[in-house]
C-alpha atoms as a PDB file:
ATOM      1  CA  MET A   1      15.775   2.817 -24.172  1.00  0.00           C
ATOM      2  CA  VAL A   2      12.471   4.692 -24.097  1.00  0.00           C
ATOM      3  CA  VAL A   3      10.513   5.239 -27.276  1.00  0.00           C
ATOM      4  CA  PRO A   4       7.112   6.777 -27.919  1.00  0.00           C
ATOM      5  CA  LEU A   5       4.267   4.314 -27.397  1.00  0.00           C
ATOM      6  CA  THR A   6       3.064   5.108 -30.901  1.00  0.00           C
ATOM      7  CA  VAL A   7       6.328   3.691 -32.200  1.00  0.00           C
ATOM      8  CA  ALA A   8       6.235   0.695 -29.871  1.00  0.00           C
ATOM      9  CA  VAL A   9       2.742  -0.414 -30.888  1.00  0.00           C
ATOM     10  CA  GLY A  10       2.547   0.978 -34.377  1.00  0.00           C
ATOM     11  CA  PRO A  11       0.642   3.832 -35.974  1.00  0.00           C
ATOM     12  CA  GLY A  12      -2.935   4.614 -35.134  1.00  0.00           C
ATOM     13  CA  THR A  13      -2.723   4.136 -31.379  1.00  0.00           C
ATOM     14  CA  ALA A  14      -4.832   6.499 -29.309  1.00  0.00           C
ATOM     15  CA  GLN A  15      -2.416   6.544 -26.415  1.00  0.00           C
ATOM     16  CA  ALA A  16       0.173   9.222 -27.025  1.00  0.00           C
ATOM     17  CA  ALA A  17       2.588   8.553 -24.196  1.00  0.00           C
ATOM     18  CA  THR A  18       5.996   7.013 -23.715  1.00  0.00           C
ATOM     19  CA  CYS A  19       6.624   3.310 -23.332  1.00  0.00           C
ATOM     20  CA  THR A  20       9.842   1.353 -23.085  1.00  0.00           C
ATOM     21  CA  THR A  21      10.889  -1.503 -25.331  1.00  0.00           C
ATOM     22  CA  GLN A  22      13.444  -2.618 -22.733  1.00  0.00           C
ATOM     23  CA  THR A  23      13.043  -5.914 -20.887  1.00  0.00           C
ATOM     24  CA  GLY A  24      13.174  -5.377 -17.126  1.00  0.00           C
ATOM     25  CA  PRO A  25      14.953  -7.521 -14.512  1.00  0.00           C
ATOM     26  CA  TYR A  26      11.574  -8.689 -13.139  1.00  0.00           C
ATOM     27  CA  GLN A  27       9.923  -9.230 -16.506  1.00  0.00           C
ATOM     28  CA  LYS A  28       8.755 -12.803 -15.917  1.00  0.00           C
ATOM     29  CA  GLN A  29       7.403 -12.095 -12.427  1.00  0.00           C
ATOM     30  CA  VAL A  30       5.539  -9.007 -13.625  1.00  0.00           C
ATOM     31  CA  GLU A  31       4.142 -10.837 -16.657  1.00  0.00           C
ATOM     32  CA  LYS A  32       2.826 -13.612 -14.410  1.00  0.00           C
ATOM     33  CA  PHE A  33       1.245 -11.140 -11.977  1.00  0.00           C
ATOM     34  CA  LEU A  34      -0.546  -9.357 -14.812  1.00  0.00           C
ATOM     35  CA  GLY A  35      -1.712 -12.572 -16.488  1.00  0.00           C
ATOM     36  CA  ARG A  36       0.467 -11.958 -19.519  1.00  0.00           C
ATOM     37  CA  PRO A  37       2.278 -14.707 -21.485  1.00  0.00           C
ATOM     38  CA  VAL A  38       5.404 -15.425 -19.411  1.00  0.00           C
ATOM     39  CA  ASP A  39       8.299 -15.345 -21.860  1.00  0.00           C
ATOM     40  CA  GLY A  40      10.590 -12.867 -20.117  1.00  0.00           C
ATOM     41  CA  LYS A  41      10.633 -10.554 -23.123  1.00  0.00           C
ATOM     42  CA  GLN A  42       9.074  -7.114 -23.302  1.00  0.00           C
ATOM     43  CA  SER A  43       6.349  -6.674 -25.899  1.00  0.00           C
ATOM     44  CA  PRO A  44       4.133  -3.694 -26.720  1.00  0.00           C
ATOM     45  CA  ALA A  45       1.219  -5.422 -24.976  1.00  0.00           C
ATOM     46  CA  ASP A  46       3.374  -6.164 -21.929  1.00  0.00           C
ATOM     47  CA  CYS A  47       4.439  -2.549 -21.763  1.00  0.00           C
ATOM     48  CA  LYS A  48       0.866  -1.317 -21.989  1.00  0.00           C
ATOM     49  CA  ALA A  49      -0.247  -3.595 -19.137  1.00  0.00           C
ATOM     50  CA  ILE A  50       2.722  -2.708 -16.932  1.00  0.00           C
ATOM     51  CA  ARG A  51       2.317   0.986 -17.596  1.00  0.00           C
ATOM     52  CA  SER A  52      -1.390   0.820 -16.725  1.00  0.00           C
ATOM     53  CA  PHE A  53      -0.486  -0.715 -13.356  1.00  0.00           C
ATOM     54  CA  GLN A  54       2.149   1.954 -12.739  1.00  0.00           C
ATOM     55  CA  LEU A  55      -0.221   4.800 -13.585  1.00  0.00           C
ATOM     56  CA  ALA A  56      -2.911   3.387 -11.294  1.00  0.00           C
ATOM     57  CA  HIS A  57      -0.565   3.404  -8.325  1.00  0.00           C
ATOM     58  CA  GLY A  58       1.606   6.450  -8.965  1.00  0.00           C
ATOM     59  CA  ILE A  59       4.761   4.514  -9.783  1.00  0.00           C
ATOM     60  CA  THR A  60       7.191   6.666 -11.740  1.00  0.00           C
ATOM     61  CA  PRO A  61       8.555   6.742 -14.335  1.00  0.00           C
ATOM     62  CA  SER A  62       5.397   5.189 -15.777  1.00  0.00           C
ATOM     63  CA  VAL A  63       7.011   3.771 -18.904  1.00  0.00           C
ATOM     64  CA  GLY A  64       6.121   0.079 -18.572  1.00  0.00           C
ATOM     65  CA  TYR A  65       9.517  -1.068 -17.309  1.00  0.00           C
ATOM     66  CA  ALA A  66       9.463  -4.186 -15.104  1.00  0.00           C
ATOM     67  CA  GLY A  67      11.851  -2.776 -12.519  1.00  0.00           C
ATOM     68  CA  PRO A  68      12.389  -3.339  -8.769  1.00  0.00           C
ATOM     69  CA  LEU A  69       9.730  -0.908  -7.506  1.00  0.00           C
ATOM     70  CA  THR A  70       7.008  -2.271  -9.770  1.00  0.00           C
ATOM     71  CA  TRP A  71       7.749  -5.857  -8.776  1.00  0.00           C
ATOM     72  CA  ARG A  72       8.082  -4.969  -5.082  1.00  0.00           C
ATOM     73  CA  THR A  73       4.629  -3.413  -5.222  1.00  0.00           C
ATOM     74  CA  MET A  74       3.170  -6.457  -6.921  1.00  0.00           C
ATOM     75  CA  ASN A  75       4.897  -8.777  -4.452  1.00  0.00           C
ATOM     76  CA  THR A  76       3.330  -6.852  -1.568  1.00  0.00           C
ATOM     77  CA  ILE A  77      -0.101  -7.261  -3.168  1.00  0.00           C
ATOM     78  CA  LEU A  78       0.521 -11.012  -3.481  1.00  0.00           C
ATOM     79  CA  ALA A  79       1.444 -11.203   0.217  1.00  0.00           C
ATOM     80  CA  GLN A  80      -1.742  -9.341   1.092  1.00  0.00           C
ATOM     81  CA  ARG A  81      -3.847 -11.718  -0.966  1.00  0.00           C
ATOM     82  CA  ALA A  82      -2.178 -14.683   0.707  1.00  0.00           C
ATOM     83  CA  ALA A  83      -3.179 -13.360   4.142  1.00  0.00           C
ATOM     84  CA  GLY A  84      -6.825 -14.049   3.351  1.00  0.00           C
ATOM     85  CA  LYS A  85      -8.956 -13.948   6.486  1.00  0.00           C
ATOM     86  CA  THR A  86      -6.157 -15.175   8.761  1.00  0.00           C
ATOM     87  CA  PRO A  87      -3.762 -12.194   8.820  1.00  0.00           C
ATOM     88  CA  ASN A  88      -2.562 -13.078  12.329  1.00  0.00           C
ATOM     89  CA  LYS A  89      -1.869 -16.722  11.548  1.00  0.00           C
ATOM     90  CA  ALA A  90       1.683 -16.334  12.899  1.00  0.00           C
ATOM     91  CA  GLY A  91       0.293 -14.882  16.152  1.00  0.00           C
ATOM     92  CA  THR A  92       2.539 -11.804  16.081  1.00  0.00           C
ATOM     93  CA  CYS A  93      -0.211  -9.326  16.982  1.00  0.00           C
ATOM     94  CA  PRO A  94      -1.241  -9.842  20.657  1.00  0.00           C
ATOM     95  CA  VAL A  95      -4.442 -11.776  21.293  1.00  0.00           C
ATOM     96  CA  ASN A  96      -4.593 -11.018  25.038  1.00  0.00           C
ATOM     97  CA  LYS A  97      -5.485  -7.324  24.771  1.00  0.00           C
ATOM     98  CA  GLY A  98      -9.126  -7.491  23.763  1.00  0.00           C
ATOM     99  CA  ARG A  99      -9.873  -5.156  20.875  1.00  0.00           C
ATOM    100  CA  ILE A 100      -6.680  -4.141  19.093  1.00  0.00           C
ATOM    101  CA  ALA A 101      -5.730  -2.643  15.738  1.00  0.00           C
ATOM    102  CA  CYS A 102      -2.829  -4.536  14.173  1.00  0.00           C
ATOM    103  CA  VAL A 103      -0.467  -3.037  11.586  1.00  0.00           C
ATOM    104  CA  ASP A 104       1.913  -5.321   9.689  1.00  0.00           C
ATOM    105  CA  LEU A 105       4.442  -3.077   7.946  1.00  0.00           C
ATOM    106  CA  THR A 106       5.993  -5.941   5.979  1.00  0.00           C
ATOM    107  CA  ARG A 107       2.755  -6.820   4.220  1.00  0.00           C
ATOM    108  CA  GLN A 108       1.333  -3.283   4.439  1.00  0.00           C
ATOM    109  CA  LEU A 109      -1.792  -4.705   6.045  1.00  0.00           C
ATOM    110  CA  SER A 110      -3.972  -3.695   8.962  1.00  0.00           C
ATOM    111  CA  TRP A 111      -6.916  -5.324  10.707  1.00  0.00           C
ATOM    112  CA  ILE A 112      -8.882  -5.140  13.947  1.00  0.00           C
ATOM    113  CA  GLN A 113      -9.198  -8.185  16.147  1.00  0.00           C
ATOM    114  CA  ASP A 114     -10.819  -8.910  19.493  1.00  0.00           C
ATOM    115  CA  GLY A 115      -8.720 -11.557  21.152  1.00  0.00           C
ATOM    116  CA  SER A 116      -8.161 -14.055  18.356  1.00  0.00           C
ATOM    117  CA  LYS A 117     -11.405 -13.109  16.565  1.00  0.00           C
ATOM    118  CA  LEU A 118     -11.064 -11.044  13.398  1.00  0.00           C
ATOM    119  CA  VAL A 119     -13.399  -8.031  13.614  1.00  0.00           C
ATOM    120  CA  PHE A 120     -12.491  -6.091  10.470  1.00  0.00           C
ATOM    121  CA  GLY A 121     -10.087  -6.478   7.572  1.00  0.00           C
ATOM    122  CA  PRO A 122      -7.415  -7.168   6.712  1.00  0.00           C
ATOM    123  CA  VAL A 123      -7.115  -4.080   4.515  1.00  0.00           C
ATOM    124  CA  PRO A 124      -4.153  -2.595   2.610  1.00  0.00           C
ATOM    125  CA  VAL A 125      -2.486   0.438   4.164  1.00  0.00           C
ATOM    126  CA  ARG A 126       0.212   2.911   3.191  1.00  0.00           C
ATOM    127  CA  THR A 127       2.768   3.490   5.941  1.00  0.00           C
ATOM    128  CA  GLY A 128       5.815   5.690   6.454  1.00  0.00           C
ATOM    129  CA  ARG A 129       8.433   6.117   3.759  1.00  0.00           C
ATOM    130  CA  ASP A 130      12.175   5.571   4.208  1.00  0.00           C
ATOM    131  CA  GLY A 131      13.385   8.103   6.777  1.00  0.00           C
ATOM    132  CA  ALA A 132       9.869   8.686   8.138  1.00  0.00           C
ATOM    133  CA  GLU A 133       8.932   5.151   9.097  1.00  0.00           C
ATOM    134  CA  THR A 134       5.824   4.291  11.071  1.00  0.00           C
ATOM    135  CA  ARG A 135       7.209   3.441  14.492  1.00  0.00           C
ATOM    136  CA  THR A 136       6.838  -0.133  15.724  1.00  0.00           C
ATOM    137  CA  GLY A 137       5.640  -1.377  19.092  1.00  0.00           C
ATOM    138  CA  ALA A 138       2.633  -1.336  21.397  1.00  0.00           C
ATOM    139  CA  LYS A 139       0.589   1.885  21.294  1.00  0.00           C
ATOM    140  CA  LYS A 140      -2.795   3.232  22.346  1.00  0.00           C
ATOM    141  CA  ILE A 141      -5.176   5.571  20.583  1.00  0.00           C
ATOM    142  CA  TYR A 142      -5.076   8.795  22.566  1.00  0.00           C
ATOM    143  CA  TRP A 143      -6.754  11.405  20.353  1.00  0.00           C
ATOM    144  CA  ARG A 144      -9.334  11.316  17.589  1.00  0.00           C
ATOM    145  CA  SER A 145     -10.192  14.073  15.129  1.00  0.00           C
ATOM    146  CA  ARG A 146     -12.848  13.284  12.542  1.00  0.00           C
ATOM    147  CA  ASN A 147     -12.099  16.224  10.236  1.00  0.00           C
ATOM    148  CA  HIS A 148      -8.447  16.819  11.015  1.00  0.00           C
ATOM    149  CA  TRP A 149      -6.383  19.450   9.223  1.00  0.00           C
ATOM    150  CA  SER A 150      -2.634  18.842   9.244  1.00  0.00           C
ATOM    151  CA  THR A 151      -0.744  22.039  10.000  1.00  0.00           C
ATOM    152  CA  ILE A 152       2.475  20.241   9.012  1.00  0.00           C
ATOM    153  CA  TYR A 153       1.476  18.906   5.605  1.00  0.00           C
ATOM    154  CA  LYS A 154      -1.371  21.365   4.887  1.00  0.00           C
ATOM    155  CA  VAL A 155      -3.796  18.593   3.952  1.00  0.00           C
ATOM    156  CA  TRP A 156      -7.028  17.179   5.316  1.00  0.00           C
ATOM    157  CA  MET A 157      -6.674  13.919   7.263  1.00  0.00           C
ATOM    158  CA  PRO A 158     -10.235  12.609   7.702  1.00  0.00           C
ATOM    159  CA  TYR A 159     -10.987  10.095  10.459  1.00  0.00           C
ATOM    160  CA  SER A 160      -7.652  10.679  12.203  1.00  0.00           C
ATOM    161  CA  GLN A 161      -6.937   8.447  15.192  1.00  0.00           C
ATOM    162  CA  PHE A 162      -3.570   9.270  16.744  1.00  0.00           C
ATOM    163  CA  PHE A 163      -1.629   6.520  18.493  1.00  0.00           C
ATOM    164  CA  ASP A 164       2.027   7.646  18.558  1.00  0.00           C
ATOM    165  CA  GLY A 165       2.970  11.325  18.571  1.00  0.00           C
ATOM    166  CA  GLY A 166       1.898  12.695  15.201  1.00  0.00           C
ATOM    167  CA  GLN A 167       1.287   9.241  13.717  1.00  0.00           C
ATOM    168  CA  ALA A 168      -2.308   8.245  13.114  1.00  0.00           C
ATOM    169  CA  PHE A 169      -4.710   6.137  11.143  1.00  0.00           C
ATOM    170  CA  HIS A 170      -6.432   8.383   8.609  1.00  0.00           C
ATOM    171  CA  SER A 171      -8.079   8.449   5.211  1.00  0.00           C
ATOM    172  CA  THR A 172      -6.343   9.390   1.985  1.00  0.00           C
ATOM    173  CA  THR A 173      -7.407   9.426  -1.650  1.00  0.00           C
ATOM    174  CA  LYS A 174      -4.026   8.170  -2.889  1.00  0.00           C
ATOM    175  CA  SER A 175      -3.450   4.569  -3.888  1.00  0.00           C
ATOM    176  CA  MET A 176      -2.286   2.412  -0.989  1.00  0.00           C
ATOM    177  CA  TYR A 177       0.683   1.497  -3.181  1.00  0.00           C
ATOM    178  CA  ASN A 178       1.679   5.044  -4.090  1.00  0.00           C
ATOM    179  CA  PRO A 179       5.430   5.364  -3.422  1.00  0.00           C
ATOM    180  CA  PRO A 180       7.395   6.207  -1.452  1.00  0.00           C
ATOM    181  CA  GLY A 181       4.840   6.188   1.394  1.00  0.00           C
ATOM    182  CA  SER A 182       3.391   8.459   4.051  1.00  0.00           C
ATOM    183  CA  GLY A 183       5.117  10.803   6.467  1.00  0.00           C
ATOM    184  CA  GLY A 184       4.679   8.181   9.172  1.00  0.00           C
ATOM    185  CA  CYS A 185       0.906   7.857   9.421  1.00  0.00           C
ATOM    186  CA  VAL A 186      -1.031   4.750   8.482  1.00  0.00           C
ATOM    187  CA  ASN A 187      -2.937   5.872   5.398  1.00  0.00           C
ATOM    188  CA  MET A 188      -6.187   4.072   4.627  1.00  0.00           C
ATOM    189  CA  ARG A 189      -8.832   4.033   1.932  1.00  0.00           C
ATOM    190  CA  PRO A 190     -11.779   6.270   2.901  1.00  0.00           C
ATOM    191  CA  ASN A 191     -14.233   3.460   3.684  1.00  0.00           C
ATOM    192  CA  ASP A 192     -11.637   1.555   5.704  1.00  0.00           C
ATOM    193  CA  ALA A 193     -10.669   4.646   7.717  1.00  0.00           C
ATOM    194  CA  LYS A 194     -14.349   5.290   8.435  1.00  0.00           C
ATOM    195  CA  ALA A 195     -14.812   1.700   9.603  1.00  0.00           C
ATOM    196  CA  TYR A 196     -11.819   2.048  11.934  1.00  0.00           C
ATOM    197  CA  TRP A 197     -13.333   5.268  13.272  1.00  0.00           C
ATOM    198  CA  ASN A 198     -16.578   3.470  14.102  1.00  0.00           C
ATOM    199  CA  LEU A 199     -14.904   0.413  15.612  1.00  0.00           C
ATOM    200  CA  LEU A 200     -12.173   2.029  17.736  1.00  0.00           C
ATOM    201  CA  LYS A 201     -12.102   4.534  20.579  1.00  0.00           C
ATOM    202  CA  ASN A 202      -9.622   6.373  22.773  1.00  0.00           C
ATOM    203  CA  GLY A 203      -7.624   3.923  24.884  1.00  0.00           C
ATOM    204  CA  ASP A 204      -7.841   1.059  22.396  1.00  0.00           C
ATOM    205  CA  ASP A 205      -4.615  -0.789  21.684  1.00  0.00           C
ATOM    206  CA  VAL A 206      -2.564  -0.591  18.498  1.00  0.00           C
ATOM    207  CA  PHE A 207       0.324  -2.902  17.668  1.00  0.00           C
ATOM    208  CA  VAL A 208       2.746  -2.097  14.844  1.00  0.00           C
ATOM    209  CA  TYR A 209       5.360  -4.598  13.698  1.00  0.00           C
ATOM    210  CA  GLY A 210       7.508  -5.637  10.755  1.00  0.00           C
ATOM    211  CA  ARG A 211       9.377  -3.500   8.258  1.00  0.00           C
ATOM    212  CA  LYS A 212       8.008  -1.815   5.177  1.00  0.00           C
ATOM    213  CA  PRO A 213       9.625  -3.056   1.945  1.00  0.00           C
ATOM    214  CA  GLY A 214      12.054  -0.438   0.683  1.00  0.00           C
ATOM    215  CA  THR A 215      12.870   1.054   4.096  1.00  0.00           C
END
C-alpha cells in the first residue's frame, strides 16, 4: 500500500511525495544499516530515511520500501566497508604482475596494487548490468582516451581506459549504486577515474573477477 507522505507523517510536512506504510521483507536489516530503531516495523521516520537513501542512489520506486534491491545495495556497501585497506586479503587478484588494476564484481570494488602493495583504493565502482556484464579474466589496458565520446551511448566518458573490447574504466556522475548498472564498463567517481588515469598506462594489467549481485 502506498500513501502520500503527507498522510504518513501527518499534516504540515514540507515533503510532498509518496511514501509507503508497508513493512518490507528486509525491514530490520535496513533499519540497522540506517541507524534506526530495529523493531522490524515500518514507521513514518523509517520510510523517510529509507526513501532518502533510495533517492540518493537512483533506486526506484523511491517510496521507502525495504525491499530486495534496497537491502542488496546496502549489503554491498557493508562488504565494501569491511574490505578496509586490505581488499585483496583473499589473494584473488594476482600479486606477481607488478602494477595491476583489480576489479571485484561481487563487492563492486576496484583498487590498484603493485605486487602485494596497495597503491590506490579500494574505491566503489559500478559495473555491467544483467545481460551486459563486465567480462571477467585477465586483461590489459590497450587504449586510453581522456575526453572520450561514446558513439554507442551518446554520452561523454571522461578518463576512458579500455581493457576489453568496448569495456573501460571511466568517470560518471551517477551514483556508484545506481541500478541496474553500466553497459559493461567499470564506472567510477570522477576523482577516482582521474587517479586511475594518472596511475595507469597502456599495457598495464587488469584483473576482473567475481559476480555482480543481481546478475
